[in-house]
């Protein structure tokens, strides 16, 4: 099974009052917001359940840990 964003998950970018980029976030269906890296933001944009999007350049242990954290947060 490949990663798939859960229904109700929102991905976005924080901006300053001057509309300048200030980071990235993922919000689960319960409204909890998590700050994420730009790299993870772009990976999650591709998490449509049709292909692997994690693991390239990461150890299997790190990939597994990341997937577990995202599932616990209600993102995947």
Foldseek 3Di string as FASTA:
>chain_A
DAAAFDPQKDKDFDADPVRHTDFIWIAANVGDIDTDHPLVSVLNVVRHPPDHSDDVVDDPVVRVVVVVVCVVRRGD
